[in-house]
């Protein structure tokens, strides 16, 4: 979505991140607990995943500061990654010490 705790998809920059990673042949799962999946497909051609899998991801990018991610905390979010993963916090959801990269 465009901003935290809001279902509005207009002007979301997440689409740009997904496209850029796709240009490098990176497989991307998009998860957003606030988004309407049908609207995301219609507007951007992105089908969000309904559930996140623990231990699946080489990298996790926090692109929107939804309260669900804050509640998960660093430990909960890191469970999504493989043993050697990168956690990139674009929205300062976590403290600097809890993420690997920040803007």
N, C-alpha and C. Protein backbone atom coordinates (compact mmCIF):
# COMPACT_ATOMS: atom_id res chain seq x y z
N UNK A 1 0.84 -1.19 0.00
CA UNK A 1 0.00 0.00 0.00
C UNK A 1 0.88 1.24 0.00
N UNK A 2 0.23 2.36 -0.04
CA UNK A 2 0.95 3.63 -0.11
C UNK A 2 1.56 4.05 1.22
N UNK A 3 0.81 3.83 2.30
CA UNK A 3 1.33 4.22 3.62
C UNK A 3 0.85 3.23 4.67
N UNK A 4 1.41 3.35 5.86
CA UNK A 4 1.12 2.39 6.92
C UNK A 4 -0.34 2.41 7.35
N UNK A 5 -0.81 1.20 7.68
CA UNK A 5 -2.14 0.99 8.26
C UNK A 5 -3.26 1.61 7.43
N UNK A 6 -3.15 1.46 6.13
CA UNK A 6 -4.11 2.04 5.20
C UNK A 6 -4.16 1.14 3.95
N UNK A 7 -5.34 0.84 3.42
CA UNK A 7 -5.44 -0.04 2.26
C UNK A 7 -5.24 0.67 0.91
N UNK A 8 -4.92 1.93 0.89
CA UNK A 8 -4.81 2.72 -0.33
C UNK A 8 -3.58 2.32 -1.15
N UNK A 9 -3.81 1.88 -2.37
CA UNK A 9 -2.72 1.47 -3.26
C UNK A 9 -2.19 2.59 -4.14
N UNK A 10 -2.93 3.68 -4.24
CA UNK A 10 -2.52 4.75 -5.15
C UNK A 10 -1.12 5.26 -4.81
N UNK A 11 -0.32 5.43 -5.84
CA UNK A 11 1.03 6.01 -5.72
C UNK A 11 2.00 5.18 -4.90
N UNK A 12 1.73 3.91 -4.70
CA UNK A 12 2.67 3.08 -3.94
C UNK A 12 3.97 2.93 -4.72
N UNK A 13 5.09 3.03 -4.02
CA UNK A 13 6.41 2.88 -4.64
C UNK A 13 6.87 1.43 -4.57
N UNK A 14 6.12 0.59 -3.87
CA UNK A 14 6.46 -0.82 -3.77
C UNK A 14 6.50 -1.44 -5.16
N UNK A 15 5.63 -0.99 -6.03
CA UNK A 15 5.59 -1.49 -7.41
C UNK A 15 6.94 -1.27 -8.09
N UNK A 16 7.56 -0.14 -7.86
CA UNK A 16 8.87 0.15 -8.45
C UNK A 16 9.94 -0.79 -7.94
N UNK A 17 9.89 -1.11 -6.66
CA UNK A 17 10.85 -2.04 -6.08
C UNK A 17 10.68 -3.42 -6.70
N UNK A 18 9.43 -3.88 -6.80
CA UNK A 18 9.15 -5.19 -7.38
C UNK A 18 9.63 -5.24 -8.83
N UNK A 19 9.35 -4.19 -9.59
CA UNK A 19 9.77 -4.15 -10.99
C UNK A 19 11.29 -4.17 -11.11
N UNK A 20 11.96 -3.37 -10.32
CA UNK A 20 13.42 -3.30 -10.37
C UNK A 20 14.05 -4.65 -10.02
N UNK A 21 13.56 -5.29 -8.99
CA UNK A 21 14.09 -6.61 -8.63
C UNK A 21 13.80 -7.62 -9.73
N UNK A 22 12.63 -7.53 -10.34
CA UNK A 22 12.28 -8.40 -11.45
C UNK A 22 13.21 -8.22 -12.64
N UNK A 23 13.67 -6.99 -12.87
CA UNK A 23 14.62 -6.72 -13.95
C UNK A 23 15.93 -7.47 -13.73
N UNK A 24 16.22 -7.84 -12.49
CA UNK A 24 17.42 -8.60 -12.16
C UNK A 24 17.10 -10.09 -11.95
N UNK A 25 15.92 -10.50 -12.43
CA UNK A 25 15.47 -11.89 -12.35
C UNK A 25 15.35 -12.40 -10.91
N UNK A 26 15.01 -11.51 -10.01
CA UNK A 26 14.78 -11.88 -8.62
C UNK A 26 13.31 -12.25 -8.46
N UNK A 27 13.05 -13.42 -7.90
CA UNK A 27 11.67 -13.82 -7.60
C UNK A 27 11.23 -13.07 -6.35
N UNK A 28 10.07 -12.43 -6.43
CA UNK A 28 9.60 -11.57 -5.34
C UNK A 28 8.21 -12.01 -4.89
N UNK A 29 8.06 -12.19 -3.58
CA UNK A 29 6.74 -12.35 -2.97
C UNK A 29 6.39 -11.01 -2.34
N UNK A 30 5.17 -10.58 -2.55
CA UNK A 30 4.69 -9.34 -1.94
C UNK A 30 3.63 -9.73 -0.92
N UNK A 31 3.82 -9.25 0.31
CA UNK A 31 2.85 -9.49 1.37
C UNK A 31 2.47 -8.16 1.97
N UNK A 32 1.18 -7.91 2.06
CA UNK A 32 0.69 -6.70 2.69
C UNK A 32 -0.64 -7.03 3.35
N UNK A 33 -0.71 -7.03 4.68
CA UNK A 33 -1.95 -7.40 5.36
C UNK A 33 -3.09 -6.41 5.12
N UNK A 34 -2.80 -5.25 4.58
CA UNK A 34 -3.83 -4.25 4.35
C UNK A 34 -4.37 -4.22 2.92
N UNK A 35 -3.67 -4.83 2.00
CA UNK A 35 -4.02 -4.69 0.60
C UNK A 35 -5.15 -5.64 0.19
N UNK A 36 -5.98 -5.19 -0.72
CA UNK A 36 -6.98 -6.03 -1.37
C UNK A 36 -6.28 -6.70 -2.55
N UNK A 37 -6.13 -8.01 -2.48
CA UNK A 37 -5.39 -8.74 -3.51
C UNK A 37 -5.91 -8.53 -4.91
N UNK A 38 -7.22 -8.53 -5.07
CA UNK A 38 -7.80 -8.33 -6.40
C UNK A 38 -7.48 -6.94 -6.94
N UNK A 39 -7.49 -5.95 -6.08
CA UNK A 39 -7.15 -4.59 -6.50
C UNK A 39 -5.68 -4.50 -6.91
N UNK A 40 -4.80 -5.18 -6.18
CA UNK A 40 -3.37 -5.18 -6.52
C UNK A 40 -3.13 -5.82 -7.88
N UNK A 41 -3.83 -6.89 -8.16
CA UNK A 41 -3.70 -7.54 -9.47
C UNK A 41 -4.23 -6.62 -10.55
N UNK A 42 -5.38 -6.04 -10.32
CA UNK A 42 -6.00 -5.16 -11.32
C UNK A 42 -5.15 -3.92 -11.61
N UNK A 43 -4.67 -3.28 -10.56
CA UNK A 43 -3.94 -2.02 -10.73
C UNK A 43 -2.50 -2.20 -11.18
N UNK A 44 -1.82 -3.25 -10.68
CA UNK A 44 -0.38 -3.37 -10.89
C UNK A 44 0.09 -4.72 -11.42
N UNK A 45 -0.83 -5.68 -11.54
CA UNK A 45 -0.43 -7.01 -12.00
C UNK A 45 0.38 -7.77 -10.97
N UNK A 46 0.24 -7.41 -9.71
CA UNK A 46 0.96 -8.08 -8.62
C UNK A 46 -0.05 -8.87 -7.79
N UNK A 47 0.24 -10.14 -7.61
CA UNK A 47 -0.61 -10.99 -6.78
C UNK A 47 0.08 -11.17 -5.43
N UNK A 48 -0.42 -10.53 -4.40
CA UNK A 48 0.20 -10.68 -3.08
C UNK A 48 0.00 -12.09 -2.53
N UNK A 49 0.98 -12.55 -1.74
CA UNK A 49 0.82 -13.83 -1.06
C UNK A 49 -0.07 -13.61 0.16
N UNK A 50 -0.86 -14.64 0.48
CA UNK A 50 -1.78 -14.53 1.61
C UNK A 50 -1.10 -14.82 2.93
N UNK A 51 -0.09 -15.67 2.91
CA UNK A 51 0.62 -16.08 4.12
C UNK A 51 2.12 -16.01 3.87
N UNK A 52 2.86 -15.75 4.91
CA UNK A 52 4.31 -15.75 4.83
C UNK A 52 4.86 -17.08 5.34
N UNK A 53 5.92 -17.55 4.70
CA UNK A 53 6.54 -18.81 5.10
C UNK A 53 7.82 -18.54 5.88
N UNK A 54 7.95 -19.15 7.02
CA UNK A 54 9.18 -19.01 7.79
C UNK A 54 10.32 -19.73 7.08
N UNK A 55 11.50 -19.13 7.13
CA UNK A 55 12.70 -19.75 6.58
C UNK A 55 12.79 -19.79 5.07
N UNK A 56 12.00 -19.02 4.38
CA UNK A 56 11.92 -19.10 2.92
C UNK A 56 12.79 -18.08 2.19
N UNK A 57 13.02 -16.92 2.74
CA UNK A 57 13.51 -15.79 1.98
C UNK A 57 15.00 -15.50 2.17
N UNK A 58 15.64 -15.16 1.05
CA UNK A 58 17.03 -14.71 1.06
C UNK A 58 17.13 -13.28 1.58
N UNK A 59 16.06 -12.53 1.36
CA UNK A 59 16.00 -11.14 1.82
C UNK A 59 14.57 -10.79 2.18
N UNK A 60 14.44 -9.93 3.16
CA UNK A 60 13.14 -9.38 3.55
C UNK A 60 13.28 -7.86 3.48
N UNK A 61 12.38 -7.25 2.73
CA UNK A 61 12.38 -5.79 2.62
C UNK A 61 11.11 -5.27 3.29
N UNK A 62 11.27 -4.48 4.32
CA UNK A 62 10.13 -3.84 4.97
C UNK A 62 9.90 -2.52 4.24
N UNK A 63 8.84 -2.48 3.44
CA UNK A 63 8.58 -1.30 2.62
C UNK A 63 7.46 -0.42 3.11
N UNK A 64 6.68 -0.90 4.05
CA UNK A 64 5.58 -0.12 4.62
C UNK A 64 5.54 -0.43 6.12
N UNK A 65 5.36 0.59 6.94
CA UNK A 65 5.43 0.44 8.40
C UNK A 65 4.09 0.09 9.02
N UNK A 66 3.46 -0.98 8.54
CA UNK A 66 2.20 -1.42 9.14
C UNK A 66 2.42 -1.88 10.58
N UNK A 67 1.41 -1.69 11.41
CA UNK A 67 1.54 -2.08 12.82
C UNK A 67 1.77 -3.58 12.96
N UNK A 68 1.30 -4.38 12.01
CA UNK A 68 1.53 -5.83 12.08
C UNK A 68 3.02 -6.16 12.07
N UNK A 69 3.79 -5.40 11.29
CA UNK A 69 5.23 -5.65 11.22
C UNK A 69 5.93 -5.17 12.49
N UNK A 70 5.47 -4.07 13.02
CA UNK A 70 6.01 -3.58 14.28
C UNK A 70 5.77 -4.60 15.38
N UNK A 71 4.56 -5.16 15.40
CA UNK A 71 4.21 -6.15 16.41
C UNK A 71 5.02 -7.44 16.25
N UNK A 72 5.38 -7.80 15.02
CA UNK A 72 6.21 -8.99 14.79
C UNK A 72 7.59 -8.80 15.40
N UNK A 73 8.07 -7.57 15.35
CA UNK A 73 9.41 -7.28 15.84
C UNK A 73 10.48 -7.92 14.97
N UNK A 74 11.71 -7.60 15.28
CA UNK A 74 12.83 -8.10 14.48
C UNK A 74 12.89 -9.62 14.50
N UNK A 75 12.68 -10.23 15.64
CA UNK A 75 12.78 -11.68 15.75
C UNK A 75 11.73 -12.36 14.87
N UNK A 76 10.51 -11.87 14.92
CA UNK A 76 9.44 -12.45 14.11
C UNK A 76 9.68 -12.27 12.62
N UNK A 77 10.17 -11.11 12.25
CA UNK A 77 10.44 -10.84 10.84
C UNK A 77 11.62 -11.68 10.37
N UNK A 78 12.64 -11.78 11.19
CA UNK A 78 13.82 -12.58 10.81
C UNK A 78 13.50 -14.06 10.65
N UNK A 79 12.48 -14.55 11.31
CA UNK A 79 12.08 -15.95 11.14
C UNK A 79 11.68 -16.25 9.70
N UNK A 80 11.30 -15.23 8.95
CA UNK A 80 10.90 -15.41 7.56
C UNK A 80 12.10 -15.72 6.66
N UNK A 81 13.27 -15.28 7.08
CA UNK A 81 14.47 -15.45 6.27
C UNK A 81 15.15 -16.79 6.46
N UNK A 82 15.93 -17.15 5.45
CA UNK A 82 16.81 -18.31 5.55
C UNK A 82 17.89 -17.98 6.59
N UNK A 83 18.69 -18.98 6.98
CA UNK A 83 19.73 -18.68 7.99
C UNK A 83 20.64 -17.51 7.61
N UNK A 84 20.99 -17.39 6.37
CA UNK A 84 21.82 -16.27 5.90
C UNK A 84 20.96 -15.36 5.02
N UNK A 85 20.27 -14.42 5.64
CA UNK A 85 19.40 -13.51 4.89
C UNK A 85 19.75 -12.06 5.21
N UNK A 86 19.17 -11.18 4.42
CA UNK A 86 19.33 -9.74 4.62
C UNK A 86 17.98 -9.16 5.01
N UNK A 87 17.96 -8.30 5.99
CA UNK A 87 16.75 -7.59 6.40
C UNK A 87 16.95 -6.11 6.11
N UNK A 88 16.19 -5.62 5.15
CA UNK A 88 16.31 -4.24 4.68
C UNK A 88 15.07 -3.47 5.13
N UNK A 89 15.26 -2.53 6.02
CA UNK A 89 14.17 -1.77 6.63
C UNK A 89 14.09 -0.40 5.97
N UNK A 90 13.21 -0.25 5.00
CA UNK A 90 13.06 1.02 4.29
C UNK A 90 12.33 2.08 5.10
N UNK A 91 11.53 1.66 6.05
CA UNK A 91 10.64 2.59 6.76
C UNK A 91 10.95 2.75 8.24
N UNK A 92 12.12 2.31 8.67
CA UNK A 92 12.53 2.47 10.06
C UNK A 92 11.53 1.86 11.04
N UNK A 93 11.05 0.68 10.70
CA UNK A 93 10.16 -0.07 11.57
C UNK A 93 10.95 -0.59 12.77
N UNK A 94 12.19 -0.96 12.52
CA UNK A 94 13.05 -1.54 13.55
C UNK A 94 14.15 -0.56 13.92
N UNK A 95 14.82 -0.84 15.02
CA UNK A 95 15.97 -0.02 15.40
C UNK A 95 17.12 -0.32 14.44
N UNK A 96 18.08 0.59 14.32
CA UNK A 96 19.22 0.35 13.41
C UNK A 96 19.96 -0.96 13.69
N UNK A 97 20.06 -1.35 14.94
CA UNK A 97 20.78 -2.57 15.29
C UNK A 97 20.02 -3.84 14.88
N UNK A 98 18.72 -3.73 14.65
CA UNK A 98 17.91 -4.90 14.34
C UNK A 98 17.81 -5.21 12.86
N UNK A 99 18.22 -4.30 12.01
CA UNK A 99 18.16 -4.55 10.57
C UNK A 99 19.58 -4.53 10.00
N UNK A 100 19.71 -5.10 8.80
CA UNK A 100 21.03 -5.13 8.16
C UNK A 100 21.28 -3.89 7.31
N UNK A 101 20.22 -3.36 6.73
CA UNK A 101 20.32 -2.17 5.87
C UNK A 101 19.12 -1.28 6.11
N UNK A 102 19.36 0.03 5.95
CA UNK A 102 18.29 1.03 6.04
C UNK A 102 18.58 2.13 5.03
N UNK A 103 17.55 2.86 4.69
CA UNK A 103 17.77 4.01 3.82
C UNK A 103 18.38 5.15 4.60
